[in-house]
């Protein structure tokens, strides 16, 4: 009996170890380095309108650096002039003003997003690079920054009210008073009744803007008017998320897609026919693979743009990353080993960061088979508890790579970002 008791404990320990360490490493494909390129060699098909870059975690240096590295290549080689981040729309316009006009500092501009995951040296370097690039090129070569998220109020509210100061002083005073309770700091304290009142106020703003379009445009400009309308729409979305918390995730991805479509159409009018979008893997992928059962932004984009949407996923083999503990709210460093057929196929490649275009990978029968098989790919947000490592479903999404993405960037060993509080 004692023997079986010890055996059971040993079996339990072994099982727990396997769970904690993830699945074992798969088979490396011989000659896999023939099917990779460097980031600098990324080549996007000519007919693409939207290029999406996912990130496997929000808390790794390498994935944040890829935002700049990939965008720089697209600016140079693909004539892309528009950068869109999974971040606040209103705050994104503060960054846009900095990179175009140089007011303030890159750090202050990044802080306007009010997202902890972006308060990093890598994001500051990205924004500073955009600013410095714009200072060296002609007007027709300048780049533009947007956020397409709607989880904040402050700068969209400011955008709407600043517009009314120009076109309708009485309306400004009225709406400023009615929107007084609305702020990033206090928005989680709003009651359902207050939210309904705010929603009604925003509906009135939208109606007023649409009714008086001709008059308002004459006093400002078409561009200023369209931004005011979009700022109000962002506030409407944020309020609806609060009022429909049961559908929060579903609505958010729909709104992310709606806002990106607005940016694509607005910039197309200015002669910019390609847009670069970066966000979490779960938003970028095309197949709505998440077990949460909602339609991903990438799925909406695939419906909207079809073959004109090019999705680049990311994955890793090992990662030391930082994320917020949803229980305590403190940021912690976690270490994770990650294996699936795709990353393991390239495990013997010497480079730490490399690009795999699936069109090229299909020339290998072995790789073609691998990217066509369903597998668990890394997908870690800004909330992570140590016990998430016990089951892969807590840090991956099961998907077929060739259906979800058009290519993937693999980071063999990823290192943690440091959030600047």
Protein backbone atom coordinates (compact mmCIF):
# COMPACT_ATOMS: atom_id res chain seq x y z
CA UNK A 1 0.00 0.00 0.00
CA UNK A 2 2.82 2.39 0.89
CA UNK A 3 4.43 1.68 -2.49
CA UNK A 4 1.25 2.57 -4.39
CA UNK A 5 0.84 5.73 -2.34
CA UNK A 6 4.37 6.84 -3.21
CA UNK A 7 3.80 5.86 -6.83
CA UNK A 8 0.61 7.91 -7.00
CA UNK A 9 2.38 10.93 -5.56
CA UNK A 10 5.21 10.52 -8.05
CA UNK A 11 2.76 10.21 -10.94
CA UNK A 12 0.96 13.33 -9.75
CA UNK A 13 4.24 15.23 -9.51
CA UNK A 14 5.25 14.16 -13.02
CA UNK A 15 1.83 15.14 -14.41
CA UNK A 16 2.03 18.53 -12.73
CA UNK A 17 5.53 19.07 -14.12
CA UNK A 18 4.32 18.30 -17.64
CA UNK A 19 1.42 20.68 -17.25
CA UNK A 20 3.61 23.45 -15.91
CA UNK A 21 6.26 23.08 -18.56
CA UNK A 22 3.86 22.79 -21.49
CA UNK A 23 4.01 20.17 -24.21
CA UNK A 24 7.36 18.72 -25.14
CA UNK A 25 9.38 20.06 -28.03
CA UNK A 26 8.33 18.90 -31.47
CA UNK A 27 10.41 18.01 -34.49
CA UNK A 28 12.72 20.54 -36.15
CA UNK A 29 12.45 20.60 -39.94
CA UNK A 30 15.75 20.03 -41.69
CA UNK A 31 16.72 22.99 -43.85
CA UNK A 32 13.97 25.21 -42.37
CA UNK A 33 16.29 28.22 -42.65
CA UNK A 34 15.73 28.11 -46.44
CA UNK A 35 12.19 29.34 -45.83
CA UNK A 36 12.87 32.34 -43.59
CA UNK A 37 13.91 35.93 -44.17
CA UNK A 38 15.00 38.81 -41.99
CA UNK A 39 12.53 41.51 -40.98
CA UNK A 40 14.29 43.89 -43.39
CA UNK A 41 13.44 41.52 -46.26
CA UNK A 42 9.68 41.41 -45.64
CA UNK A 43 7.86 41.66 -48.97
CA UNK A 44 4.12 42.39 -49.00
CA UNK A 45 1.99 41.68 -52.11
CA UNK A 46 1.20 44.80 -54.14
CA UNK A 47 -2.60 44.63 -53.86
CA UNK A 48 -2.71 44.71 -50.04
CA UNK A 49 -4.68 47.50 -48.36
CA UNK A 50 -4.37 46.61 -44.64
CA UNK A 51 -1.33 44.93 -43.07
CA UNK A 52 -1.87 43.55 -39.55
CA UNK A 53 0.91 42.65 -37.12
CA UNK A 54 -0.03 40.62 -34.06
CA UNK A 55 1.90 40.25 -30.84
CA UNK A 56 2.00 37.02 -28.86
CA UNK A 57 2.38 38.95 -25.58
CA UNK A 58 2.03 42.57 -24.55
CA UNK A 59 5.02 42.26 -22.21
CA UNK A 60 8.04 41.40 -24.36
CA UNK A 61 10.67 43.78 -25.70
CA UNK A 62 10.98 41.92 -29.00
CA UNK A 63 7.28 42.16 -29.89
CA UNK A 64 7.18 45.87 -29.08
CA UNK A 65 10.34 46.47 -31.11
CA UNK A 66 8.71 44.71 -34.07
CA UNK A 67 6.15 47.52 -34.30
CA UNK A 68 8.92 49.92 -35.28
CA UNK A 69 11.04 47.46 -37.22
CA UNK A 70 8.20 46.21 -39.42
CA UNK A 71 6.68 49.67 -39.92
CA UNK A 72 10.05 51.11 -40.92
CA UNK A 73 10.38 48.43 -43.61
CA UNK A 74 6.84 49.11 -44.84
CA UNK A 75 7.46 52.85 -45.00
CA UNK A 76 10.66 52.31 -46.98
CA UNK A 77 9.58 49.48 -49.30
CA UNK A 78 5.78 49.47 -49.45
CA UNK A 79 4.92 53.20 -49.37
CA UNK A 80 2.90 52.77 -46.15
CA UNK A 81 2.24 56.08 -44.42
CA UNK A 82 -0.31 55.19 -41.73
CA UNK A 83 0.39 53.44 -38.40
CA UNK A 84 -2.56 52.20 -36.31
CA UNK A 85 -2.16 50.87 -32.77
CA UNK A 86 -4.53 48.90 -30.59
CA UNK A 87 -4.73 51.96 -28.36
CA UNK A 88 -6.98 54.91 -27.54
CA UNK A 89 -8.18 56.88 -30.58
CA UNK A 90 -8.14 60.24 -28.79
CA UNK A 91 -4.77 59.58 -27.15
CA UNK A 92 -3.45 58.43 -30.50
CA UNK A 93 -4.16 61.85 -31.93
CA UNK A 94 -1.96 63.39 -29.23
CA UNK A 95 0.86 61.19 -30.53
CA UNK A 96 -0.03 62.20 -34.08
CA UNK A 97 0.30 65.87 -33.17
CA UNK A 98 3.68 65.20 -31.60
CA UNK A 99 5.12 63.37 -34.60
CA UNK A 100 3.77 66.05 -36.98
CA UNK A 101 4.35 69.23 -34.96
CA UNK A 102 6.79 68.29 -32.20
CA UNK A 103 4.81 69.66 -29.24
CA UNK A 104 5.96 68.06 -25.96
CA UNK A 105 8.04 64.91 -25.71
CA UNK A 106 7.70 61.35 -26.99
CA UNK A 107 7.22 60.10 -23.42
CA UNK A 108 4.37 62.57 -22.80
CA UNK A 109 2.77 61.56 -26.09
CA UNK A 110 2.91 57.85 -25.22
CA UNK A 111 1.46 58.54 -21.76
CA UNK A 112 -1.58 60.11 -23.45
CA UNK A 113 -2.68 56.59 -24.44
CA UNK A 114 -3.20 55.83 -20.73
CA UNK A 115 -2.30 52.16 -21.32
CA UNK A 116 0.30 50.66 -18.98
CA UNK A 117 1.49 48.13 -21.57
CA UNK A 118 2.74 50.96 -23.80
CA UNK A 119 4.63 52.94 -21.15
CA UNK A 120 7.92 51.42 -22.25
CA UNK A 121 11.23 52.54 -23.74
CA UNK A 122 10.36 50.64 -26.92
CA UNK A 123 7.15 52.63 -27.49
CA UNK A 124 8.90 55.91 -26.70
CA UNK A 125 11.62 55.03 -29.22
CA UNK A 126 8.96 54.21 -31.84
CA UNK A 127 7.20 57.54 -31.39
CA UNK A 128 10.49 59.47 -31.33
CA UNK A 129 11.55 57.73 -34.54
CA UNK A 130 8.27 58.77 -36.19
CA UNK A 131 8.81 62.36 -35.07
CA UNK A 132 12.40 62.42 -36.34
CA UNK A 133 11.43 60.80 -39.63
CA UNK A 134 8.72 63.38 -40.28
CA UNK A 135 11.20 66.19 -39.61
CA UNK A 136 13.33 65.00 -42.55
CA UNK A 137 10.74 64.40 -45.30
CA UNK A 138 8.45 66.47 -47.48
CA UNK A 139 4.76 66.90 -46.65
CA UNK A 140 3.67 64.16 -49.04
CA UNK A 141 6.03 61.64 -47.40
CA UNK A 142 4.98 62.23 -43.77
CA UNK A 143 3.62 59.38 -41.64
CA UNK A 144 0.52 59.46 -39.42
CA UNK A 145 -0.35 57.78 -36.13
CA UNK A 146 -3.76 56.51 -34.98
CA UNK A 147 -5.28 54.41 -32.23
CA UNK A 148 -8.42 52.42 -33.07
CA UNK A 149 -9.48 51.51 -29.52
CA UNK A 150 -12.32 53.04 -27.51
CA UNK A 151 -11.60 52.15 -23.88
CA UNK A 152 -10.83 55.72 -22.76
CA UNK A 153 -12.77 59.00 -22.69
CA UNK A 154 -10.49 61.97 -21.96
CA UNK A 155 -8.94 62.95 -25.29
CA UNK A 156 -11.99 62.11 -27.40
CA UNK A 157 -14.07 64.26 -25.06
CA UNK A 158 -11.50 67.03 -25.39
CA UNK A 159 -11.58 66.69 -29.18
CA UNK A 160 -15.36 67.09 -29.32
CA UNK A 161 -15.47 70.04 -26.93
CA UNK A 162 -12.53 71.82 -28.58
CA UNK A 163 -14.39 71.57 -31.88
CA UNK A 164 -17.53 73.09 -30.39
CA UNK A 165 -15.47 76.01 -29.07
CA UNK A 166 -14.81 76.84 -32.71
CA UNK A 167 -18.20 76.21 -34.29
CA UNK A 168 -20.85 76.69 -31.56
CA UNK A 169 -19.98 78.32 -28.24
CA UNK A 170 -23.44 77.73 -26.73
CA UNK A 171 -23.33 74.05 -27.59
CA UNK A 172 -19.84 73.87 -26.10
CA UNK A 173 -21.06 75.19 -22.74
CA UNK A 174 -24.05 72.86 -22.71
CA UNK A 175 -22.16 69.70 -23.62
CA UNK A 176 -19.20 70.52 -21.37
CA UNK A 177 -21.60 70.61 -18.43
CA UNK A 178 -23.42 67.43 -19.43
CA UNK A 179 -20.15 65.54 -19.97
CA UNK A 180 -18.53 66.80 -16.77
CA UNK A 181 -18.75 63.38 -15.00
CA UNK A 182 -16.89 61.69 -17.88
CA UNK A 183 -13.17 61.03 -17.34
CA UNK A 184 -10.66 58.18 -17.46
CA UNK A 185 -10.11 58.42 -13.71
CA UNK A 186 -13.78 58.26 -12.74
CA UNK A 187 -15.42 56.31 -15.55
CA UNK A 188 -15.56 53.07 -13.55
CA UNK A 189 -17.52 54.87 -10.83
CA UNK A 190 -20.37 55.91 -13.14
CA UNK A 191 -23.78 54.46 -12.32
CA UNK A 192 -26.00 52.85 -14.94
CA UNK A 193 -28.27 55.88 -14.79
CA UNK A 194 -25.34 58.23 -15.38
CA UNK A 195 -24.16 56.10 -18.29
CA UNK A 196 -27.59 56.24 -19.89
CA UNK A 197 -27.60 60.03 -19.52
CA UNK A 198 -24.13 60.24 -21.05
CA UNK A 199 -25.24 57.99 -23.90
CA UNK A 200 -28.18 60.31 -24.56
CA UNK A 201 -25.90 63.35 -24.51
CA UNK A 202 -23.57 61.74 -27.04
CA UNK A 203 -26.53 60.85 -29.25
CA UNK A 204 -27.54 64.52 -29.15
CA UNK A 205 -24.00 65.55 -30.07
CA UNK A 206 -23.94 63.16 -33.02
CA UNK A 207 -27.33 64.41 -34.17
CA UNK A 208 -26.27 68.06 -33.81
CA UNK A 209 -23.06 67.49 -35.77
CA UNK A 210 -24.89 65.70 -38.58
CA UNK A 211 -27.73 68.24 -38.74
CA UNK A 212 -25.36 71.22 -38.87
CA UNK A 213 -22.66 69.69 -41.03
CA UNK A 214 -22.67 72.40 -43.70
CA UNK A 215 -22.55 75.25 -41.20
CA UNK A 216 -19.88 73.63 -39.04
CA UNK A 217 -17.64 72.69 -41.98
CA UNK A 218 -17.85 76.26 -43.24
CA UNK A 219 -16.58 77.51 -39.86
CA UNK A 220 -13.83 74.88 -39.58
CA UNK A 221 -12.86 72.31 -42.22
CA UNK A 222 -14.09 68.99 -43.53
CA UNK A 223 -11.22 67.21 -41.76
CA UNK A 224 -11.91 68.87 -38.40
CA UNK A 225 -15.61 68.06 -38.73
CA UNK A 226 -14.97 64.38 -39.51
CA UNK A 227 -12.66 64.05 -36.53
CA UNK A 228 -15.23 65.65 -34.22
CA UNK A 229 -17.82 63.16 -35.44
CA UNK A 230 -15.41 60.27 -34.87
CA UNK A 231 -14.45 61.50 -31.38
CA UNK A 232 -18.15 61.47 -30.48
CA UNK A 233 -18.51 58.00 -31.96
CA UNK A 234 -15.59 56.75 -29.85
CA UNK A 235 -17.28 58.11 -26.72
CA UNK A 236 -20.50 56.39 -27.77
CA UNK A 237 -18.64 53.08 -28.12
CA UNK A 238 -16.97 53.42 -24.73
CA UNK A 239 -20.33 54.08 -23.10
CA UNK A 240 -21.96 51.15 -24.87
CA UNK A 241 -19.22 48.85 -23.59
CA UNK A 242 -20.11 49.86 -20.04
CA UNK A 243 -23.82 49.42 -20.68
CA UNK A 244 -23.35 45.99 -22.30
CA UNK A 245 -20.60 44.39 -20.23
CA UNK A 246 -21.87 40.89 -21.03
CA UNK A 247 -20.99 41.53 -24.69
CA UNK A 248 -17.86 43.58 -23.95
CA UNK A 249 -15.36 41.46 -25.87
CA UNK A 250 -17.69 40.91 -28.81
CA UNK A 251 -18.53 44.61 -29.13
CA UNK A 252 -14.94 45.76 -28.67
CA UNK A 253 -13.60 43.78 -31.62
CA UNK A 254 -16.49 44.98 -33.76
CA UNK A 255 -15.70 48.57 -32.78
CA UNK A 256 -11.97 48.02 -33.39
CA UNK A 257 -12.81 46.93 -36.94
CA UNK A 258 -15.27 49.81 -37.45
CA UNK A 259 -12.70 52.36 -36.32
CA UNK A 260 -9.98 50.87 -38.48
CA UNK A 261 -12.31 51.02 -41.46
CA UNK A 262 -12.91 54.71 -40.70
CA UNK A 263 -9.15 55.33 -40.65
CA UNK A 264 -8.62 53.39 -43.90
CA UNK A 265 -11.33 55.38 -45.70
CA UNK A 266 -10.24 58.73 -44.23
CA UNK A 267 -6.61 58.20 -45.21
CA UNK A 268 -7.55 56.89 -48.66
CA UNK A 269 -9.09 60.32 -49.32
CA UNK A 270 -5.67 61.80 -48.54
CA UNK A 271 -3.98 59.48 -51.02
CA UNK A 272 -2.74 56.85 -48.56
CA UNK A 273 -3.98 53.51 -49.84
CA UNK A 274 -2.15 51.23 -47.36
CA UNK A 275 -2.50 51.08 -43.58
CA UNK A 276 -0.41 49.21 -41.00
CA UNK A 277 -2.28 47.93 -37.93
CA UNK A 278 -0.69 46.35 -34.86
CA UNK A 279 -2.37 44.70 -31.88
CA UNK A 280 -2.72 41.47 -29.98
CA UNK A 281 -2.59 38.21 -31.97
CA UNK A 282 -6.19 37.52 -30.95
CA UNK A 283 -7.36 40.72 -32.65
CA UNK A 284 -5.25 40.33 -35.79
CA UNK A 285 -5.94 36.67 -36.69
CA UNK A 286 -8.62 36.03 -39.29
CA UNK A 287 -10.53 33.02 -37.95
CA UNK A 288 -12.08 34.05 -34.61
CA UNK A 289 -10.32 31.07 -33.05
CA UNK A 290 -10.67 32.19 -29.42
CA UNK A 291 -12.74 29.91 -27.19
CA UNK A 292 -14.49 33.05 -25.91
CA UNK A 293 -16.75 32.72 -28.94
CA UNK A 294 -16.62 36.23 -30.39
CA UNK A 295 -15.76 37.47 -33.87
CA UNK A 296 -12.23 38.87 -33.96
CA UNK A 297 -11.30 42.19 -35.52
CA UNK A 298 -9.17 40.25 -38.01
CA UNK A 299 -12.22 38.20 -39.02
CA UNK A 300 -14.14 41.43 -39.68
CA UNK A 301 -11.18 42.75 -41.69
CA UNK A 302 -11.05 39.52 -43.68
CA UNK A 303 -14.75 39.96 -44.50
CA UNK A 304 -14.24 43.63 -45.41
CA UNK A 305 -11.04 43.43 -47.41
CA UNK A 306 -10.62 39.77 -48.36
CA UNK A 307 -7.24 39.21 -50.03
CA UNK A 308 -6.42 42.89 -49.45
CA UNK A 309 -5.90 42.10 -45.74
CA UNK A 310 -2.48 40.61 -44.92
CA UNK A 311 -2.09 39.27 -41.37
CA UNK A 312 1.29 38.67 -39.73
CA UNK A 313 1.14 36.65 -36.51
CA UNK A 314 3.91 36.21 -33.93
CA UNK A 315 4.93 33.35 -31.68
CA UNK A 316 7.80 32.36 -29.39
CA UNK A 317 9.58 29.30 -28.06
CA UNK A 318 10.62 30.69 -24.68
CA UNK A 319 9.57 33.95 -23.09
CA UNK A 320 10.30 35.89 -19.96
CA UNK A 321 7.54 38.50 -20.00
CA UNK A 322 5.85 40.96 -17.69
CA UNK A 323 2.12 41.13 -17.11
CA UNK A 324 -0.28 42.46 -14.54
CA UNK A 325 -1.68 40.09 -11.93
CA UNK A 326 -5.42 40.67 -12.20
CA UNK A 327 -5.84 39.81 -8.53
CA UNK A 328 -3.30 42.21 -7.04
CA UNK A 329 -2.84 44.57 -9.97
CA UNK A 330 0.93 44.33 -9.55
CA UNK A 331 3.16 43.70 -12.55
CA UNK A 332 5.20 40.53 -12.36
CA UNK A 333 7.74 38.68 -14.47
CA UNK A 334 6.72 35.23 -15.74
CA UNK A 335 8.73 32.58 -17.58
CA UNK A 336 7.11 30.29 -20.11
CA UNK A 337 8.26 27.58 -22.52
CA UNK A 338 5.99 27.31 -25.54
CA UNK A 339 5.86 24.55 -28.14
CA UNK A 340 3.76 23.83 -31.18
CA UNK A 341 4.54 22.20 -34.51
CA UNK A 342 5.19 25.54 -36.22
CA UNK A 343 7.72 27.09 -33.83
CA UNK A 344 9.40 23.74 -33.22
CA UNK A 345 9.86 23.27 -36.96
CA UNK A 346 12.17 26.31 -36.89
CA UNK A 347 13.81 25.60 -33.53
CA UNK A 348 17.24 24.95 -35.07
CA UNK A 349 17.34 28.24 -36.97
CA UNK A 350 20.23 30.32 -35.60
CA UNK A 351 18.53 33.75 -35.70
CA UNK A 352 16.51 34.77 -32.68
CA UNK A 353 13.93 36.79 -34.66
CA UNK A 354 12.92 35.86 -38.20
CA UNK A 355 10.06 36.08 -40.69
CA UNK A 356 8.23 33.12 -42.27
CA UNK A 357 6.06 33.93 -45.30
CA UNK A 358 3.58 31.10 -45.70
CA UNK A 359 3.62 31.46 -49.50
CA UNK A 360 7.32 30.56 -49.35
CA UNK A 361 6.86 27.90 -46.65
CA UNK A 362 4.35 26.04 -48.86
CA UNK A 363 7.21 25.15 -51.20
CA UNK A 364 8.23 22.65 -48.53
CA UNK A 365 5.82 19.73 -48.30
CA UNK A 366 6.68 19.29 -44.63
CA UNK A 367 6.16 22.94 -43.72
CA UNK A 368 3.03 23.15 -45.87
CA UNK A 369 1.57 20.30 -43.85
CA UNK A 370 2.56 21.93 -40.55
CA UNK A 371 1.00 25.33 -41.26
CA UNK A 372 -2.18 23.60 -42.40
CA UNK A 373 -2.60 21.73 -39.09
CA UNK A 374 -4.54 23.10 -36.14
CA UNK A 375 -2.25 23.92 -33.21
CA UNK A 376 -2.01 26.04 -30.10
CA UNK A 377 -0.29 29.39 -30.72
CA UNK A 378 0.77 31.87 -28.05
CA UNK A 379 -1.73 34.55 -27.05
CA UNK A 380 -0.96 36.30 -23.74
CA UNK A 381 -2.67 39.50 -22.66
CA UNK A 382 -1.90 41.99 -19.92
CA UNK A 383 -3.36 39.77 -17.19
CA UNK A 384 -1.46 36.62 -16.23
CA UNK A 385 -1.46 34.46 -13.08
CA UNK A 386 1.18 31.82 -12.34
CA UNK A 387 -1.38 29.01 -12.57
CA UNK A 388 -2.22 29.92 -16.18
CA UNK A 389 0.87 27.87 -17.05
CA UNK A 390 -0.85 24.68 -15.93
CA UNK A 391 -2.99 24.49 -19.08
CA UNK A 392 -2.10 25.72 -22.57
CA UNK A 393 -5.63 26.98 -23.15
CA UNK A 394 -4.90 29.80 -20.69
CA UNK A 395 -2.07 31.24 -22.81
CA UNK A 396 -2.71 30.02 -26.36
CA UNK A 397 -5.39 30.02 -29.05
CA UNK A 398 -5.92 26.85 -31.07
CA UNK A 399 -5.90 27.79 -34.74
CA UNK A 400 -4.73 26.72 -38.17
CA UNK A 401 -1.79 29.05 -38.92
CA UNK A 402 -2.34 29.24 -42.70
CA UNK A 403 -5.99 30.20 -42.20
CA UNK A 404 -5.39 32.68 -39.39
CA UNK A 405 -2.31 34.40 -40.84
CA UNK A 406 -0.47 34.98 -44.10
CA UNK A 407 2.91 34.87 -42.37
CA UNK A 408 4.43 34.68 -38.92
CA UNK A 409 7.40 36.19 -37.09
CA UNK A 410 9.02 33.80 -34.62
CA UNK A 411 11.01 34.96 -31.62
CA UNK A 412 12.97 32.05 -30.18
CA UNK A 413 13.76 33.73 -26.83
CA UNK A 414 11.82 36.83 -25.77
CA UNK A 415 12.71 39.19 -22.91
CA UNK A 416 10.48 41.33 -20.67
CA UNK A 417 9.57 44.97 -21.09
CA UNK A 418 9.80 47.37 -18.18
CA UNK A 419 6.71 49.52 -17.61
CA UNK A 420 7.64 53.10 -16.73
CA UNK A 421 5.15 54.20 -14.06
